N, C-alpha and C. Protein backbone atom coordinates (compact mmCIF):
# COMPACT_ATOMS: atom_id res chain seq x y z
N MET A 1 0.85 -1.18 0.00
CA MET A 1 0.00 0.00 0.00
C MET A 1 0.89 1.23 0.00
N ASN A 2 0.65 2.12 -0.94
CA ASN A 2 1.39 3.38 -1.00
C ASN A 2 0.57 4.44 -0.29
N TRP A 3 0.93 4.75 0.93
CA TRP A 3 0.17 5.69 1.75
C TRP A 3 0.24 7.11 1.21
N ASN A 4 1.33 7.46 0.53
CA ASN A 4 1.43 8.79 -0.07
C ASN A 4 0.38 8.96 -1.17
N LEU A 5 0.23 7.92 -2.00
CA LEU A 5 -0.78 7.99 -3.06
C LEU A 5 -2.18 8.06 -2.46
N LEU A 6 -2.42 7.27 -1.43
CA LEU A 6 -3.73 7.30 -0.78
C LEU A 6 -4.02 8.70 -0.23
N GLY A 7 -3.04 9.32 0.39
CA GLY A 7 -3.21 10.68 0.91
C GLY A 7 -3.53 11.67 -0.20
N LEU A 8 -2.86 11.52 -1.34
CA LEU A 8 -3.13 12.41 -2.48
C LEU A 8 -4.55 12.20 -3.02
N VAL A 9 -4.97 10.95 -3.10
CA VAL A 9 -6.33 10.65 -3.56
C VAL A 9 -7.36 11.27 -2.61
N MET A 10 -7.12 11.12 -1.32
CA MET A 10 -8.05 11.67 -0.33
C MET A 10 -8.11 13.20 -0.39
N ALA A 11 -6.95 13.84 -0.50
CA ALA A 11 -6.93 15.30 -0.58
C ALA A 11 -7.62 15.79 -1.85
N GLY A 12 -7.32 15.14 -2.97
CA GLY A 12 -7.97 15.50 -4.22
C GLY A 12 -9.46 15.27 -4.17
N GLY A 13 -9.87 14.15 -3.55
CA GLY A 13 -11.30 13.85 -3.43
C GLY A 13 -12.04 14.90 -2.63
N ALA A 14 -11.42 15.40 -1.57
CA ALA A 14 -12.06 16.45 -0.77
C ALA A 14 -12.24 17.70 -1.61
N LEU A 15 -11.22 18.09 -2.36
CA LEU A 15 -11.34 19.29 -3.21
C LEU A 15 -12.37 19.10 -4.31
N GLY A 16 -12.36 17.92 -4.93
CA GLY A 16 -13.33 17.64 -5.99
C GLY A 16 -14.76 17.64 -5.48
N SER A 17 -14.97 17.06 -4.30
CA SER A 17 -16.31 17.04 -3.70
C SER A 17 -16.78 18.45 -3.36
N ALA A 18 -15.87 19.27 -2.86
CA ALA A 18 -16.23 20.66 -2.57
C ALA A 18 -16.58 21.38 -3.87
N GLY A 19 -15.83 21.12 -4.92
CA GLY A 19 -16.14 21.73 -6.22
C GLY A 19 -17.50 21.30 -6.74
N ARG A 20 -17.81 20.03 -6.56
CA ARG A 20 -19.12 19.53 -7.00
C ARG A 20 -20.25 20.23 -6.24
N TYR A 21 -20.06 20.39 -4.93
CA TYR A 21 -21.06 21.08 -4.13
C TYR A 21 -21.23 22.52 -4.60
N LEU A 22 -20.13 23.22 -4.83
CA LEU A 22 -20.20 24.62 -5.25
C LEU A 22 -20.85 24.76 -6.63
N ILE A 23 -20.51 23.88 -7.55
CA ILE A 23 -21.14 23.91 -8.88
C ILE A 23 -22.63 23.64 -8.76
N GLY A 24 -23.00 22.65 -7.96
CA GLY A 24 -24.42 22.33 -7.77
C GLY A 24 -25.19 23.47 -7.14
N HIS A 25 -24.59 24.10 -6.14
CA HIS A 25 -25.24 25.24 -5.47
C HIS A 25 -25.41 26.40 -6.44
N TYR A 26 -24.37 26.71 -7.19
CA TYR A 26 -24.44 27.80 -8.17
C TYR A 26 -25.54 27.51 -9.20
N ALA A 27 -25.55 26.30 -9.73
CA ALA A 27 -26.52 25.93 -10.76
C ALA A 27 -27.95 26.03 -10.22
N LEU A 28 -28.17 25.56 -9.01
CA LEU A 28 -29.49 25.62 -8.42
C LEU A 28 -29.95 27.07 -8.24
N MET A 29 -29.06 27.92 -7.76
CA MET A 29 -29.40 29.32 -7.52
C MET A 29 -29.65 30.08 -8.82
N HIS A 30 -28.93 29.74 -9.88
CA HIS A 30 -29.01 30.52 -11.11
C HIS A 30 -29.88 29.89 -12.20
N TRP A 31 -30.01 28.58 -12.20
CA TRP A 31 -30.73 27.93 -13.28
C TRP A 31 -31.93 27.11 -12.81
N GLY A 32 -32.15 27.04 -11.50
CA GLY A 32 -33.30 26.32 -10.99
C GLY A 32 -33.09 24.81 -10.96
N ASN A 33 -34.21 24.11 -10.70
CA ASN A 33 -34.10 22.66 -10.52
C ASN A 33 -34.89 21.85 -11.53
N ARG A 34 -35.18 22.43 -12.69
CA ARG A 34 -35.90 21.67 -13.71
C ARG A 34 -35.08 20.49 -14.21
N LEU A 35 -33.79 20.67 -14.31
CA LEU A 35 -32.84 19.63 -14.69
C LEU A 35 -31.73 19.62 -13.64
N PRO A 36 -31.05 18.50 -13.46
CA PRO A 36 -29.92 18.49 -12.53
C PRO A 36 -28.69 19.17 -13.16
N TRP A 37 -28.80 20.49 -13.33
CA TRP A 37 -27.77 21.26 -14.04
C TRP A 37 -26.40 21.13 -13.38
N GLY A 38 -26.37 21.11 -12.06
CA GLY A 38 -25.09 21.02 -11.37
C GLY A 38 -24.37 19.72 -11.66
N THR A 39 -25.09 18.61 -11.61
CA THR A 39 -24.50 17.31 -11.91
C THR A 39 -24.06 17.25 -13.36
N LEU A 40 -24.89 17.75 -14.24
CA LEU A 40 -24.54 17.76 -15.66
C LEU A 40 -23.27 18.59 -15.89
N ALA A 41 -23.23 19.78 -15.31
CA ALA A 41 -22.06 20.64 -15.48
C ALA A 41 -20.81 19.98 -14.90
N ALA A 42 -20.90 19.43 -13.71
CA ALA A 42 -19.74 18.78 -13.09
C ALA A 42 -19.25 17.61 -13.93
N ASN A 43 -20.17 16.80 -14.44
CA ASN A 43 -19.79 15.65 -15.25
C ASN A 43 -19.15 16.07 -16.57
N LEU A 44 -19.71 17.09 -17.22
CA LEU A 44 -19.16 17.51 -18.50
C LEU A 44 -17.80 18.19 -18.32
N ILE A 45 -17.68 19.02 -17.31
CA ILE A 45 -16.38 19.64 -17.01
C ILE A 45 -15.36 18.55 -16.70
N GLY A 46 -15.76 17.60 -15.87
CA GLY A 46 -14.86 16.52 -15.48
C GLY A 46 -14.45 15.66 -16.66
N ALA A 47 -15.37 15.39 -17.59
CA ALA A 47 -15.03 14.59 -18.76
C ALA A 47 -13.99 15.31 -19.61
N PHE A 48 -14.16 16.61 -19.80
CA PHE A 48 -13.19 17.38 -20.57
C PHE A 48 -11.82 17.38 -19.89
N VAL A 49 -11.81 17.67 -18.60
CA VAL A 49 -10.55 17.72 -17.86
C VAL A 49 -9.88 16.35 -17.82
N ALA A 50 -10.66 15.28 -17.67
CA ALA A 50 -10.10 13.92 -17.64
C ALA A 50 -9.43 13.58 -18.96
N GLY A 51 -10.07 13.93 -20.07
CA GLY A 51 -9.47 13.67 -21.37
C GLY A 51 -8.17 14.44 -21.55
N PHE A 52 -8.20 15.71 -21.15
CA PHE A 52 -7.00 16.53 -21.23
C PHE A 52 -5.88 15.95 -20.38
N LEU A 53 -6.19 15.63 -19.13
CA LEU A 53 -5.16 15.14 -18.21
C LEU A 53 -4.59 13.79 -18.64
N MET A 54 -5.44 12.94 -19.18
CA MET A 54 -4.97 11.63 -19.61
C MET A 54 -3.86 11.78 -20.64
N VAL A 55 -4.07 12.67 -21.60
CA VAL A 55 -3.07 12.88 -22.65
C VAL A 55 -1.91 13.71 -22.13
N TRP A 56 -2.18 14.74 -21.37
CA TRP A 56 -1.14 15.65 -20.86
C TRP A 56 -0.17 14.94 -19.94
N LEU A 57 -0.66 13.98 -19.16
CA LEU A 57 0.20 13.27 -18.21
C LEU A 57 0.98 12.12 -18.83
N GLU A 58 0.64 11.74 -20.06
CA GLU A 58 1.36 10.66 -20.73
C GLU A 58 2.84 11.03 -20.87
N GLY A 59 3.68 10.11 -20.53
CA GLY A 59 5.11 10.31 -20.72
C GLY A 59 5.74 11.35 -19.80
N ARG A 60 5.11 11.67 -18.69
CA ARG A 60 5.64 12.68 -17.77
C ARG A 60 6.56 12.08 -16.72
N GLY A 61 6.85 10.81 -16.83
CA GLY A 61 7.77 10.20 -15.89
C GLY A 61 7.09 9.76 -14.60
N PRO A 62 7.89 9.42 -13.59
CA PRO A 62 7.37 8.88 -12.34
C PRO A 62 6.41 9.82 -11.60
N SER A 63 6.59 11.13 -11.75
CA SER A 63 5.71 12.06 -11.04
C SER A 63 4.28 12.01 -11.55
N ALA A 64 4.08 11.51 -12.78
CA ALA A 64 2.73 11.42 -13.34
C ALA A 64 1.83 10.53 -12.49
N LEU A 65 2.41 9.52 -11.87
CA LEU A 65 1.64 8.62 -11.00
C LEU A 65 0.99 9.42 -9.86
N TYR A 66 1.73 10.34 -9.29
CA TYR A 66 1.22 11.14 -8.18
C TYR A 66 0.20 12.17 -8.66
N TRP A 67 0.46 12.76 -9.82
CA TRP A 67 -0.51 13.71 -10.37
C TRP A 67 -1.82 13.01 -10.74
N ARG A 68 -1.72 11.80 -11.31
CA ARG A 68 -2.94 11.03 -11.64
C ARG A 68 -3.74 10.72 -10.38
N ALA A 69 -3.03 10.30 -9.33
CA ALA A 69 -3.72 9.98 -8.08
C ALA A 69 -4.45 11.21 -7.55
N PHE A 70 -3.78 12.34 -7.52
CA PHE A 70 -4.37 13.55 -6.96
C PHE A 70 -5.46 14.13 -7.87
N LEU A 71 -5.14 14.32 -9.15
CA LEU A 71 -6.06 15.00 -10.06
C LEU A 71 -7.16 14.11 -10.60
N MET A 72 -6.80 12.95 -11.11
CA MET A 72 -7.80 12.12 -11.80
C MET A 72 -8.61 11.26 -10.84
N VAL A 73 -7.92 10.48 -10.02
CA VAL A 73 -8.66 9.62 -9.10
C VAL A 73 -9.30 10.44 -7.99
N GLY A 74 -8.55 11.37 -7.42
CA GLY A 74 -9.05 12.17 -6.31
C GLY A 74 -10.00 13.28 -6.73
N MET A 75 -9.45 14.33 -7.35
CA MET A 75 -10.28 15.50 -7.67
C MET A 75 -11.43 15.17 -8.61
N LEU A 76 -11.12 14.52 -9.73
CA LEU A 76 -12.19 14.22 -10.68
C LEU A 76 -13.13 13.15 -10.15
N GLY A 77 -12.60 12.23 -9.36
CA GLY A 77 -13.46 11.23 -8.73
C GLY A 77 -14.45 11.88 -7.78
N GLY A 78 -14.02 12.91 -7.05
CA GLY A 78 -14.91 13.62 -6.15
C GLY A 78 -15.84 14.57 -6.88
N LEU A 79 -15.35 15.14 -7.98
CA LEU A 79 -16.15 16.12 -8.72
C LEU A 79 -17.25 15.46 -9.55
N THR A 80 -16.91 14.39 -10.21
CA THR A 80 -17.84 13.82 -11.18
C THR A 80 -18.40 12.49 -10.74
N THR A 81 -19.37 12.07 -11.50
CA THR A 81 -19.89 10.73 -11.30
C THR A 81 -19.48 9.82 -12.44
N PHE A 82 -18.80 10.40 -13.44
CA PHE A 82 -18.46 9.51 -14.56
C PHE A 82 -17.17 9.82 -15.29
N SER A 83 -16.26 10.52 -14.66
CA SER A 83 -15.01 10.82 -15.35
C SER A 83 -14.22 9.54 -15.64
N ALA A 84 -14.22 8.58 -14.72
CA ALA A 84 -13.50 7.33 -14.97
C ALA A 84 -14.15 6.57 -16.13
N LEU A 85 -15.45 6.56 -16.20
CA LEU A 85 -16.16 5.90 -17.31
C LEU A 85 -15.74 6.54 -18.64
N MET A 86 -15.66 7.86 -18.68
CA MET A 86 -15.31 8.54 -19.91
C MET A 86 -13.85 8.26 -20.31
N VAL A 87 -12.94 8.28 -19.34
CA VAL A 87 -11.53 8.00 -19.64
C VAL A 87 -11.37 6.57 -20.13
N GLU A 88 -12.01 5.62 -19.46
CA GLU A 88 -11.91 4.23 -19.88
C GLU A 88 -12.50 4.03 -21.27
N SER A 89 -13.56 4.77 -21.58
CA SER A 89 -14.14 4.69 -22.92
C SER A 89 -13.18 5.27 -23.96
N LEU A 90 -12.53 6.37 -23.61
CA LEU A 90 -11.54 6.96 -24.53
C LEU A 90 -10.40 5.99 -24.78
N ILE A 91 -9.91 5.34 -23.74
CA ILE A 91 -8.83 4.37 -23.90
C ILE A 91 -9.29 3.24 -24.82
N SER A 92 -10.50 2.75 -24.62
CA SER A 92 -11.02 1.67 -25.48
C SER A 92 -11.18 2.15 -26.92
N SER A 93 -11.61 3.39 -27.10
CA SER A 93 -11.81 3.89 -28.47
C SER A 93 -10.49 4.05 -29.21
N ARG A 94 -9.40 4.23 -28.47
CA ARG A 94 -8.08 4.38 -29.09
C ARG A 94 -7.44 3.03 -29.39
N SER A 95 -8.06 1.96 -28.94
CA SER A 95 -7.53 0.63 -29.21
C SER A 95 -8.12 0.12 -30.52
N SER A 96 -7.77 -1.08 -30.85
CA SER A 96 -8.31 -1.67 -32.08
C SER A 96 -9.66 -2.34 -31.86
N ARG A 97 -10.26 -2.13 -30.68
CA ARG A 97 -11.53 -2.77 -30.35
C ARG A 97 -12.57 -1.75 -29.90
N PRO A 98 -13.07 -0.90 -30.80
CA PRO A 98 -14.09 0.07 -30.39
C PRO A 98 -15.40 -0.58 -29.96
N ASP A 99 -15.61 -1.83 -30.36
CA ASP A 99 -16.81 -2.55 -29.94
C ASP A 99 -16.82 -2.74 -28.42
N ILE A 100 -15.63 -2.87 -27.82
CA ILE A 100 -15.55 -3.00 -26.37
C ILE A 100 -16.02 -1.71 -25.70
N MET A 101 -15.65 -0.56 -26.29
CA MET A 101 -16.09 0.72 -25.74
C MET A 101 -17.62 0.82 -25.76
N LEU A 102 -18.21 0.47 -26.89
CA LEU A 102 -19.66 0.57 -27.00
C LEU A 102 -20.36 -0.38 -26.02
N ALA A 103 -19.84 -1.58 -25.88
CA ALA A 103 -20.42 -2.53 -24.94
C ALA A 103 -20.28 -2.02 -23.50
N TYR A 104 -19.12 -1.47 -23.18
CA TYR A 104 -18.87 -0.94 -21.84
C TYR A 104 -19.81 0.23 -21.53
N LEU A 105 -19.97 1.13 -22.49
CA LEU A 105 -20.89 2.25 -22.28
C LEU A 105 -22.32 1.78 -22.11
N ALA A 106 -22.74 0.86 -22.96
CA ALA A 106 -24.11 0.36 -22.88
C ALA A 106 -24.35 -0.36 -21.55
N LEU A 107 -23.40 -1.21 -21.15
CA LEU A 107 -23.56 -1.90 -19.87
C LEU A 107 -23.57 -0.91 -18.71
N SER A 108 -22.72 0.10 -18.78
CA SER A 108 -22.65 1.08 -17.69
C SER A 108 -23.95 1.88 -17.58
N VAL A 109 -24.43 2.38 -18.70
CA VAL A 109 -25.63 3.23 -18.67
C VAL A 109 -26.87 2.40 -18.37
N PHE A 110 -27.10 1.36 -19.16
CA PHE A 110 -28.33 0.59 -18.97
C PHE A 110 -28.28 -0.29 -17.73
N GLY A 111 -27.10 -0.84 -17.44
CA GLY A 111 -26.95 -1.60 -16.20
C GLY A 111 -27.14 -0.70 -15.00
N GLY A 112 -26.56 0.51 -15.05
CA GLY A 112 -26.73 1.46 -13.95
C GLY A 112 -28.18 1.85 -13.75
N LEU A 113 -28.89 2.10 -14.85
CA LEU A 113 -30.31 2.44 -14.74
C LEU A 113 -31.10 1.28 -14.13
N ALA A 114 -30.83 0.08 -14.60
CA ALA A 114 -31.54 -1.09 -14.06
C ALA A 114 -31.24 -1.28 -12.57
N LEU A 115 -29.98 -1.12 -12.19
CA LEU A 115 -29.62 -1.35 -10.80
C LEU A 115 -30.11 -0.24 -9.88
N VAL A 116 -30.14 1.00 -10.35
CA VAL A 116 -30.69 2.06 -9.50
C VAL A 116 -32.19 1.82 -9.30
N TRP A 117 -32.86 1.33 -10.32
CA TRP A 117 -34.28 1.02 -10.19
C TRP A 117 -34.49 -0.14 -9.22
N LEU A 118 -33.67 -1.20 -9.36
CA LEU A 118 -33.79 -2.34 -8.45
C LEU A 118 -33.47 -1.95 -7.01
N GLY A 119 -32.46 -1.11 -6.83
CA GLY A 119 -32.13 -0.63 -5.49
C GLY A 119 -33.26 0.16 -4.87
N ALA A 120 -33.90 0.99 -5.68
CA ALA A 120 -35.06 1.77 -5.20
C ALA A 120 -36.21 0.85 -4.83
N ARG A 121 -36.45 -0.16 -5.66
CA ARG A 121 -37.52 -1.12 -5.36
C ARG A 121 -37.25 -1.84 -4.05
N LEU A 122 -36.00 -2.30 -3.86
CA LEU A 122 -35.64 -2.98 -2.61
C LEU A 122 -35.84 -2.04 -1.43
N GLY A 123 -35.44 -0.79 -1.58
CA GLY A 123 -35.65 0.20 -0.52
C GLY A 123 -37.12 0.37 -0.20
N ASP A 124 -37.96 0.41 -1.25
CA ASP A 124 -39.41 0.51 -1.03
C ASP A 124 -39.95 -0.70 -0.28
N LEU A 125 -39.48 -1.89 -0.68
CA LEU A 125 -39.95 -3.12 -0.03
C LEU A 125 -39.54 -3.19 1.44
N LEU A 126 -38.31 -2.79 1.73
CA LEU A 126 -37.82 -2.84 3.10
C LEU A 126 -38.45 -1.76 3.97
N ARG A 127 -38.83 -0.66 3.37
CA ARG A 127 -39.46 0.44 4.10
C ARG A 127 -40.89 0.09 4.48
N ALA A 128 -41.55 -0.68 3.64
CA ALA A 128 -42.97 -0.99 3.85
C ALA A 128 -43.21 -1.91 5.03
């Protein structure tokens, strides 16, 4: 276990979570609650930053491991709900198997929808 990396992930996660809260609060105050604007904004910002960082950190040597832990796993993990999904999809799309990317996205989105529904149903059953 690399405790330094864990500390960086935790510090980045705290900052990312605070950023998510601030974006959500701003969006609610300025754009209302018709759509989850804050979550959408955080996810889209995070997807852009994750793509940039993935390429920017390539070939940066040993220090890139620490920057990835802090920025990508920590900050973006705390900020977004899907930055890792987007980065993994980008990696798959750059390989010779784009079909894997499409399958992964479909399983993630539709599987996630099915499981959130099942979790809600279980919660309803246990509450009753």
